[in-house]
Amino acid sequence: MYTLGPVSGSHLNPAVTLGAFLSGQALPSKPASTARPKCCDHLHVSGRIGRAKLGGVNSERSLGFDVRRHSPVDGLGLADRIWPCYDEAFGDFSDFETWRDDLFARHATRSGYRLVVATEGATVAGFSWGYIGERGQYWTDLAYDALPGPVADEWVGGHFEFVELAVAPKFRRRGLGRRLHDTLLDGIGQRALLSTTDDPADPAVQLYLNSGWRKLGLLRPGTQIMGRLAPQ
């Protein structure tokens, strides 16, 4: 956790905020926070959930995969099977034990955690996971500080944080990314947030836009924060 820096105290009416979001109007930004992270929370951004991880989106159905949602306890038992797919897709951890302890197992303790795993036979073809994001968590506070004040107040905290989505290269272009996305969000009753590349032509961004996500603002240059309204 880290100590929250100063934020703007002036906010718009929530109804105006939501209307501006839906219409694409610009909203005023908060001053940049001076907060410094004291931990290295993790949410894949800017290409991690993007072209190199999904391989494009097409209309072909994801046939032949067993796609299931798992509890945190069951999910931890799948860590050694998920790791090869994760490592092939992202390659940002030096070894299995570090990834399991510093990322996978830690995220499994978060409130509202859910994990979706797709398999073909004994092989993990893809996965997605997320949890309830709360103020005091590293990425959640980064998003709060980055977004315009009224948007941050309305969206950040108590949201569902869409953290990871990856499909192994040999299983791409079979519609599996969309199925992992939809299964993870099935039954989620609150607004959701994620960060990804700010390239509107990126296949993952196209998937999100076609699934009800909209750009809320920038986390940093080249990386956007997207939001998805709660189901009606």
C-alpha atoms as a PDB file:
ATOM      1  CA  MET A   1       0.000   0.000   0.000  1.00  0.00           C
ATOM      2  CA  TYR A   2       1.106   3.606  -0.284  1.00  0.00           C
ATOM      3  CA  THR A   3       0.144   6.943   1.178  1.00  0.00           C
ATOM      4  CA  LEU A   4      -2.285   8.811  -1.017  1.00  0.00           C
ATOM      5  CA  GLY A   5      -1.112  12.116  -2.373  1.00  0.00           C
ATOM      6  CA  PRO A   6      -3.179  15.295  -2.733  1.00  0.00           C
ATOM      7  CA  VAL A   7      -6.140  15.230  -5.086  1.00  0.00           C
ATOM      8  CA  SER A   8      -8.527  17.836  -6.364  1.00  0.00           C
ATOM      9  CA  GLY A   9     -11.413  18.809  -4.124  1.00  0.00           C
ATOM     10  CA  SER A  10     -13.643  20.201  -6.874  1.00  0.00           C
ATOM     11  CA  HIS A  11     -15.985  17.708  -8.497  1.00  0.00           C
ATOM     12  CA  LEU A  12     -18.847  17.832 -10.955  1.00  0.00           C
ATOM     13  CA  ASN A  13     -22.315  16.504 -10.461  1.00  0.00           C
ATOM     14  CA  PRO A  14     -22.221  12.682 -10.977  1.00  0.00           C
ATOM     15  CA  ALA A  15     -25.007  12.864 -13.545  1.00  0.00           C
ATOM     16  CA  VAL A  16     -22.974  15.367 -15.549  1.00  0.00           C
ATOM     17  CA  THR A  17     -19.922  13.133 -15.233  1.00  0.00           C
ATOM     18  CA  LEU A  18     -21.705  10.079 -16.610  1.00  0.00           C
ATOM     19  CA  GLY A  19     -23.286  12.089 -19.390  1.00  0.00           C
ATOM     20  CA  ALA A  20     -19.924  13.480 -20.401  1.00  0.00           C
ATOM     21  CA  PHE A  21     -18.440   9.988 -20.417  1.00  0.00           C
ATOM     22  CA  LEU A  22     -21.163   8.658 -22.675  1.00  0.00           C
ATOM     23  CA  SER A  23     -20.946  11.627 -25.034  1.00  0.00           C
ATOM     24  CA  GLY A  24     -17.146  11.703 -25.154  1.00  0.00           C
ATOM     25  CA  GLN A  25     -16.841  15.251 -23.732  1.00  0.00           C
ATOM     26  CA  ALA A  26     -13.548  16.277 -22.154  1.00  0.00           C
ATOM     27  CA  LEU A  27     -13.446  16.646 -18.378  1.00  0.00           C
ATOM     28  CA  PRO A  28     -11.027  18.664 -16.220  1.00  0.00           C
ATOM     29  CA  SER A  29      -7.999  16.828 -14.870  1.00  0.00           C
ATOM     30  CA  LYS A  30      -6.801  16.670 -11.273  1.00  0.00           C
ATOM     31  CA  PRO A  31      -3.332  17.911 -10.372  1.00  0.00           C
ATOM     32  CA  ALA A  32      -0.744  15.160 -10.520  1.00  0.00           C
ATOM     33  CA  SER A  33      -0.327  13.270  -7.248  1.00  0.00           C
ATOM     34  CA  THR A  34       2.985  13.249  -5.434  1.00  0.00           C
ATOM     35  CA  ALA A  35       2.299   9.781  -4.064  1.00  0.00           C
ATOM     36  CA  ARG A  36       5.021   7.170  -4.479  1.00  0.00           C
ATOM     37  CA  PRO A  37       4.246   3.456  -4.626  1.00  0.00           C
ATOM     38  CA  LYS A  38       5.637   1.271  -1.846  1.00  0.00           C
ATOM     39  CA  CYS A  39       4.752  -1.986  -3.522  1.00  0.00           C
ATOM     40  CA  CYS A  40       4.760  -3.287  -7.055  1.00  0.00           C
ATOM     41  CA  ASP A  41       1.153  -4.230  -7.737  1.00  0.00           C
ATOM     42  CA  HIS A  42       0.609  -5.518 -11.228  1.00  0.00           C
ATOM     43  CA  LEU A  43      -1.846  -4.962 -14.000  1.00  0.00           C
ATOM     44  CA  HIS A  44      -0.873  -5.586 -17.571  1.00  0.00           C
ATOM     45  CA  VAL A  45      -0.864  -2.520 -19.746  1.00  0.00           C
ATOM     46  CA  SER A  46       0.164  -1.207 -23.150  1.00  0.00           C
ATOM     47  CA  GLY A  47       0.481  -4.255 -25.317  1.00  0.00           C
ATOM     48  CA  ARG A  48       0.363  -6.845 -22.530  1.00  0.00           C
ATOM     49  CA  ILE A  49      -3.316  -7.248 -23.263  1.00  0.00           C
ATOM     50  CA  GLY A  50      -2.922  -6.456 -26.919  1.00  0.00           C
ATOM     51  CA  ARG A  51      -1.851  -7.524 -30.369  1.00  0.00           C
ATOM     52  CA  ALA A  52       0.912  -9.878 -29.257  1.00  0.00           C
ATOM     53  CA  LYS A  53      -1.298 -11.598 -26.719  1.00  0.00           C
ATOM     54  CA  LEU A  54      -4.548 -12.086 -28.628  1.00  0.00           C
ATOM     55  CA  GLY A  55      -3.357 -12.190 -32.220  1.00  0.00           C
ATOM     56  CA  GLY A  56      -6.367 -10.361 -33.588  1.00  0.00           C
ATOM     57  CA  VAL A  57     -10.118 -10.817 -33.294  1.00  0.00           C
ATOM     58  CA  ASN A  58     -12.303 -12.536 -35.864  1.00  0.00           C
ATOM     59  CA  SER A  59     -15.752 -14.074 -36.020  1.00  0.00           C
ATOM     60  CA  GLU A  60     -14.622 -17.695 -35.784  1.00  0.00           C
ATOM     61  CA  ARG A  61     -16.082 -19.414 -32.733  1.00  0.00           C
ATOM     62  CA  SER A  62     -13.808 -20.797 -30.003  1.00  0.00           C
ATOM     63  CA  LEU A  63     -14.547 -24.465 -30.554  1.00  0.00           C
ATOM     64  CA  GLY A  64     -12.687 -27.300 -28.896  1.00  0.00           C
ATOM     65  CA  PHE A  65     -11.735 -25.456 -25.702  1.00  0.00           C
ATOM     66  CA  ASP A  66     -12.835 -26.239 -22.170  1.00  0.00           C
ATOM     67  CA  VAL A  67     -13.328 -22.815 -20.550  1.00  0.00           C
ATOM     68  CA  ARG A  68     -14.032 -22.788 -16.809  1.00  0.00           C
ATOM     69  CA  ARG A  69     -14.106 -20.293 -13.958  1.00  0.00           C
ATOM     70  CA  HIS A  70     -12.210 -21.358 -10.832  1.00  0.00           C
ATOM     71  CA  SER A  71     -12.245 -20.438  -7.163  1.00  0.00           C
ATOM     72  CA  PRO A  72      -9.079 -18.926  -5.634  1.00  0.00           C
ATOM     73  CA  VAL A  73      -8.209 -22.243  -3.958  1.00  0.00           C
ATOM     74  CA  ASP A  74      -8.706 -24.265  -7.132  1.00  0.00           C
ATOM     75  CA  GLY A  75      -6.865 -21.639  -9.135  1.00  0.00           C
ATOM     76  CA  LEU A  76      -3.749 -21.856  -6.983  1.00  0.00           C
ATOM     77  CA  GLY A  77      -3.630 -25.560  -7.752  1.00  0.00           C
ATOM     78  CA  LEU A  78      -3.446 -24.683 -11.466  1.00  0.00           C
ATOM     79  CA  ALA A  79      -0.484 -22.308 -11.135  1.00  0.00           C
ATOM     80  CA  ASP A  80       2.087 -24.719 -12.558  1.00  0.00           C
ATOM     81  CA  ARG A  81      -0.125 -25.360 -15.608  1.00  0.00           C
ATOM     82  CA  ILE A  82      -0.901 -21.672 -16.207  1.00  0.00           C
ATOM     83  CA  TRP A  83       2.708 -20.572 -15.898  1.00  0.00           C
ATOM     84  CA  PRO A  84       3.939 -21.805 -19.336  1.00  0.00           C
ATOM     85  CA  CYS A  85       1.113 -19.914 -21.076  1.00  0.00           C
ATOM     86  CA  TYR A  86       1.755 -16.783 -18.997  1.00  0.00           C
ATOM     87  CA  ASP A  87       5.498 -16.928 -19.599  1.00  0.00           C
ATOM     88  CA  GLU A  88       5.066 -17.395 -23.349  1.00  0.00           C
ATOM     89  CA  ALA A  89       2.621 -14.488 -23.559  1.00  0.00           C
ATOM     90  CA  PHE A  90       4.334 -11.966 -21.271  1.00  0.00           C
ATOM     91  CA  GLY A  91       7.811 -13.183 -20.318  1.00  0.00           C
ATOM     92  CA  ASP A  92       8.205 -10.627 -17.528  1.00  0.00           C
ATOM     93  CA  PHE A  93       9.128 -12.954 -14.641  1.00  0.00           C
ATOM     94  CA  SER A  94      12.411 -14.822 -14.435  1.00  0.00           C
ATOM     95  CA  ASP A  95      11.023 -17.991 -12.880  1.00  0.00           C
ATOM     96  CA  PHE A  96       7.853 -19.773 -11.841  1.00  0.00           C
ATOM     97  CA  GLU A  97       8.275 -19.384  -8.082  1.00  0.00           C
ATOM     98  CA  THR A  98       8.694 -15.608  -8.260  1.00  0.00           C
ATOM     99  CA  TRP A  99       5.663 -15.243 -10.528  1.00  0.00           C
ATOM    100  CA  ARG A 100       3.537 -17.498  -8.339  1.00  0.00           C
ATOM    101  CA  ASP A 101       4.466 -15.814  -5.051  1.00  0.00           C
ATOM    102  CA  ASP A 102       4.699 -12.170  -6.150  1.00  0.00           C
ATOM    103  CA  LEU A 103       1.763 -12.059  -8.551  1.00  0.00           C
ATOM    104  CA  PHE A 104      -0.475 -15.063  -8.989  1.00  0.00           C
ATOM    105  CA  ALA A 105      -0.948 -16.124  -5.360  1.00  0.00           C
ATOM    106  CA  ARG A 106      -1.095 -12.534  -4.092  1.00  0.00           C
ATOM    107  CA  HIS A 107      -3.869 -11.587  -6.504  1.00  0.00           C
ATOM    108  CA  ALA A 108      -5.818 -14.705  -5.499  1.00  0.00           C
ATOM    109  CA  THR A 109      -6.237 -13.236  -2.006  1.00  0.00           C
ATOM    110  CA  ARG A 110      -8.041 -10.127  -3.280  1.00  0.00           C
ATOM    111  CA  SER A 111     -11.744  -9.673  -2.679  1.00  0.00           C
ATOM    112  CA  GLY A 112     -13.922 -10.848  -5.548  1.00  0.00           C
ATOM    113  CA  TYR A 113     -11.057 -12.685  -7.256  1.00  0.00           C
ATOM    114  CA  ARG A 114     -12.064 -14.871 -10.179  1.00  0.00           C
ATOM    115  CA  LEU A 115      -9.934 -16.872 -12.582  1.00  0.00           C
ATOM    116  CA  VAL A 116     -10.917 -18.286 -15.960  1.00  0.00           C
ATOM    117  CA  VAL A 117      -8.773 -20.945 -17.622  1.00  0.00           C
ATOM    118  CA  ALA A 118      -9.169 -22.376 -21.120  1.00  0.00           C
ATOM    119  CA  THR A 119      -7.666 -25.765 -21.856  1.00  0.00           C
ATOM    120  CA  GLU A 120      -7.312 -27.985 -24.864  1.00  0.00           C
ATOM    121  CA  GLY A 121      -6.611 -31.426 -23.517  1.00  0.00           C
ATOM    122  CA  ALA A 122      -4.011 -31.030 -20.774  1.00  0.00           C
ATOM    123  CA  THR A 123      -2.646 -27.755 -22.192  1.00  0.00           C
ATOM    124  CA  VAL A 124      -3.646 -24.311 -20.917  1.00  0.00           C
ATOM    125  CA  ALA A 125      -4.513 -22.329 -24.027  1.00  0.00           C
ATOM    126  CA  GLY A 126      -5.395 -19.053 -22.298  1.00  0.00           C
ATOM    127  CA  PHE A 127      -6.549 -17.438 -19.098  1.00  0.00           C
ATOM    128  CA  SER A 128      -8.012 -14.292 -17.588  1.00  0.00           C
ATOM    129  CA  TRP A 129      -8.386 -13.031 -14.047  1.00  0.00           C
ATOM    130  CA  GLY A 130      -9.505 -10.041 -12.033  1.00  0.00           C
ATOM    131  CA  TYR A 131     -10.747  -8.893  -8.641  1.00  0.00           C
ATOM    132  CA  ILE A 132     -12.420  -5.996  -6.843  1.00  0.00           C
ATOM    133  CA  GLY A 133     -10.180  -2.944  -6.953  1.00  0.00           C
ATOM    134  CA  GLU A 134     -10.069  -0.728  -3.870  1.00  0.00           C
ATOM    135  CA  ARG A 135      -8.353   2.524  -2.942  1.00  0.00           C
ATOM    136  CA  GLY A 136      -5.003   1.807  -1.323  1.00  0.00           C
ATOM    137  CA  GLN A 137      -4.057  -0.718  -4.009  1.00  0.00           C
ATOM    138  CA  TYR A 138      -1.259   0.443  -6.269  1.00  0.00           C
ATOM    139  CA  TRP A 139      -2.938   0.377  -9.686  1.00  0.00           C
ATOM    140  CA  THR A 140      -6.266   1.600  -8.317  1.00  0.00           C
ATOM    141  CA  ASP A 141      -4.615   4.671  -6.817  1.00  0.00           C
ATOM    142  CA  LEU A 142      -2.631   5.286 -10.008  1.00  0.00           C
ATOM    143  CA  ALA A 143      -5.884   5.218 -11.977  1.00  0.00           C
ATOM    144  CA  TYR A 144      -7.583   7.545  -9.482  1.00  0.00           C
ATOM    145  CA  ASP A 145      -4.780  10.077  -9.739  1.00  0.00           C
ATOM    146  CA  ALA A 146      -4.607   9.851 -13.539  1.00  0.00           C
ATOM    147  CA  LEU A 147      -8.311  10.283 -14.334  1.00  0.00           C
ATOM    148  CA  PRO A 148     -10.238  13.576 -14.222  1.00  0.00           C
ATOM    149  CA  GLY A 149     -11.627  14.169 -10.718  1.00  0.00           C
ATOM    150  CA  PRO A 150     -15.319  13.513 -11.358  1.00  0.00           C
ATOM    151  CA  VAL A 151     -14.579  10.425 -13.443  1.00  0.00           C
ATOM    152  CA  ALA A 152     -12.225   9.044 -10.794  1.00  0.00           C
ATOM    153  CA  ASP A 153     -14.772   9.578  -8.018  1.00  0.00           C
ATOM    154  CA  GLU A 154     -17.480   7.850  -9.974  1.00  0.00           C
ATOM    155  CA  TRP A 155     -15.477   4.911 -11.332  1.00  0.00           C
ATOM    156  CA  VAL A 156     -12.561   4.088  -9.047  1.00  0.00           C
ATOM    157  CA  GLY A 157     -12.955   2.026  -5.889  1.00  0.00           C
ATOM    158  CA  GLY A 158     -15.229  -0.993  -5.572  1.00  0.00           C
ATOM    159  CA  HIS A 159     -14.918  -1.617  -9.320  1.00  0.00           C
ATOM    160  CA  PHE A 160     -14.030  -4.929 -10.923  1.00  0.00           C
ATOM    161  CA  GLU A 161     -10.412  -4.772 -12.073  1.00  0.00           C
ATOM    162  CA  PHE A 162      -9.851  -6.736 -15.285  1.00  0.00           C
ATOM    163  CA  VAL A 163      -6.220  -7.639 -14.660  1.00  0.00           C
ATOM    164  CA  GLU A 164      -5.014 -10.282 -17.087  1.00  0.00           C
ATOM    165  CA  LEU A 165      -6.014 -11.761 -20.433  1.00  0.00           C
ATOM    166  CA  ALA A 166      -3.725 -13.914 -22.571  1.00  0.00           C
ATOM    167  CA  VAL A 167      -3.987 -16.566 -25.259  1.00  0.00           C
ATOM    168  CA  ALA A 168      -1.000 -18.758 -26.157  1.00  0.00           C
ATOM    169  CA  PRO A 169       0.231 -18.024 -29.713  1.00  0.00           C
ATOM    170  CA  LYS A 170      -0.718 -21.420 -31.177  1.00  0.00           C
ATOM    171  CA  PHE A 171      -4.348 -20.974 -30.059  1.00  0.00           C
ATOM    172  CA  ARG A 172      -4.928 -17.443 -31.310  1.00  0.00           C
ATOM    173  CA  ARG A 173      -7.417 -16.314 -33.967  1.00  0.00           C
ATOM    174  CA  ARG A 174      -9.983 -18.848 -32.798  1.00  0.00           C
ATOM    175  CA  GLY A 175     -12.188 -16.476 -30.781  1.00  0.00           C
ATOM    176  CA  LEU A 176     -10.755 -17.581 -27.444  1.00  0.00           C
ATOM    177  CA  GLY A 177      -9.852 -14.077 -26.255  1.00  0.00           C
ATOM    178  CA  ARG A 178     -13.486 -12.984 -26.460  1.00  0.00           C
ATOM    179  CA  ARG A 179     -14.655 -16.107 -24.672  1.00  0.00           C
ATOM    180  CA  LEU A 180     -12.171 -15.581 -21.829  1.00  0.00           C
ATOM    181  CA  HIS A 181     -13.285 -11.946 -21.602  1.00  0.00           C
ATOM    182  CA  ASP A 182     -16.983 -12.766 -21.533  1.00  0.00           C
ATOM    183  CA  THR A 183     -16.659 -15.645 -19.058  1.00  0.00           C
ATOM    184  CA  LEU A 184     -14.625 -13.555 -16.626  1.00  0.00           C
ATOM    185  CA  LEU A 185     -17.192 -10.743 -16.642  1.00  0.00           C
ATOM    186  CA  ASP A 186     -20.275 -12.952 -16.591  1.00  0.00           C
ATOM    187  CA  GLY A 187     -22.305 -12.055 -13.498  1.00  0.00           C
ATOM    188  CA  ILE A 188     -20.203  -9.021 -12.548  1.00  0.00           C
ATOM    189  CA  GLY A 189     -22.639  -6.475 -11.153  1.00  0.00           C
ATOM    190  CA  GLN A 190     -20.425  -3.391 -10.917  1.00  0.00           C
ATOM    191  CA  ARG A 191     -18.461  -1.169 -13.221  1.00  0.00           C
ATOM    192  CA  ALA A 192     -15.167  -2.531 -14.491  1.00  0.00           C
ATOM    193  CA  LEU A 193     -11.803  -0.973 -15.299  1.00  0.00           C
ATOM    194  CA  LEU A 194      -8.720  -2.033 -17.235  1.00  0.00           C
ATOM    195  CA  SER A 195      -5.680  -0.438 -18.813  1.00  0.00           C
ATOM    196  CA  THR A 196      -4.310  -1.236 -22.245  1.00  0.00           C
ATOM    197  CA  THR A 197      -2.613   0.358 -25.228  1.00  0.00           C
ATOM    198  CA  ASP A 198      -4.073   3.631 -26.494  1.00  0.00           C
ATOM    199  CA  ASP A 199      -3.971   2.405 -30.104  1.00  0.00           C
ATOM    200  CA  PRO A 200      -7.589   2.262 -31.361  1.00  0.00           C
ATOM    201  CA  ALA A 201      -6.550  -0.172 -34.124  1.00  0.00           C
ATOM    202  CA  ASP A 202      -5.150  -2.721 -31.676  1.00  0.00           C
ATOM    203  CA  PRO A 203      -7.139  -5.999 -31.810  1.00  0.00           C
ATOM    204  CA  ALA A 204      -7.576  -6.098 -28.033  1.00  0.00           C
ATOM    205  CA  VAL A 205      -8.869  -2.515 -27.986  1.00  0.00           C
ATOM    206  CA  GLN A 206     -11.293  -3.428 -30.758  1.00  0.00           C
ATOM    207  CA  LEU A 207     -12.466  -6.397 -28.676  1.00  0.00           C
ATOM    208  CA  TYR A 208     -13.071  -4.148 -25.681  1.00  0.00           C
ATOM    209  CA  LEU A 209     -14.850  -1.445 -27.678  1.00  0.00           C
ATOM    210  CA  ASN A 210     -17.135  -4.065 -29.205  1.00  0.00           C
ATOM    211  CA  SER A 211     -17.835  -5.414 -25.710  1.00  0.00           C
ATOM    212  CA  GLY A 212     -19.057  -2.184 -24.140  1.00  0.00           C
ATOM    213  CA  TRP A 213     -15.777  -0.664 -22.892  1.00  0.00           C
ATOM    214  CA  ARG A 214     -15.020   3.026 -23.440  1.00  0.00           C
ATOM    215  CA  LYS A 215     -11.947   5.166 -22.940  1.00  0.00           C
ATOM    216  CA  LEU A 216     -12.020   7.126 -19.662  1.00  0.00           C
ATOM    217  CA  GLY A 217      -8.603   8.772 -19.862  1.00  0.00           C
ATOM    218  CA  LEU A 218      -4.874   8.114 -19.976  1.00  0.00           C
ATOM    219  CA  LEU A 219      -2.890   6.285 -17.327  1.00  0.00           C
ATOM    220  CA  ARG A 220       0.301   7.510 -19.017  1.00  0.00           C
ATOM    221  CA  PRO A 221       1.211   8.425 -22.597  1.00  0.00           C
ATOM    222  CA  GLY A 222       0.344   5.486 -24.829  1.00  0.00           C
ATOM    223  CA  THR A 223      -1.690   3.676 -22.160  1.00  0.00           C
ATOM    224  CA  GLN A 224      -5.394   4.277 -21.680  1.00  0.00           C
ATOM    225  CA  ILE A 225      -7.825   3.422 -18.908  1.00  0.00           C
ATOM    226  CA  MET A 226     -11.057   1.887 -20.174  1.00  0.00           C
ATOM    227  CA  GLY A 227     -14.316   1.490 -18.280  1.00  0.00           C
ATOM    228  CA  ARG A 228     -17.345  -0.725 -18.697  1.00  0.00           C
ATOM    229  CA  LEU A 229     -20.678   0.228 -17.163  1.00  0.00           C
ATOM    230  CA  ALA A 230     -22.470  -2.181 -14.852  1.00  0.00           C
ATOM    231  CA  PRO A 231     -25.089  -4.311 -16.604  1.00  0.00           C
ATOM    232  CA  GLN A 232     -28.577  -2.826 -16.513  1.00  0.00           C
END
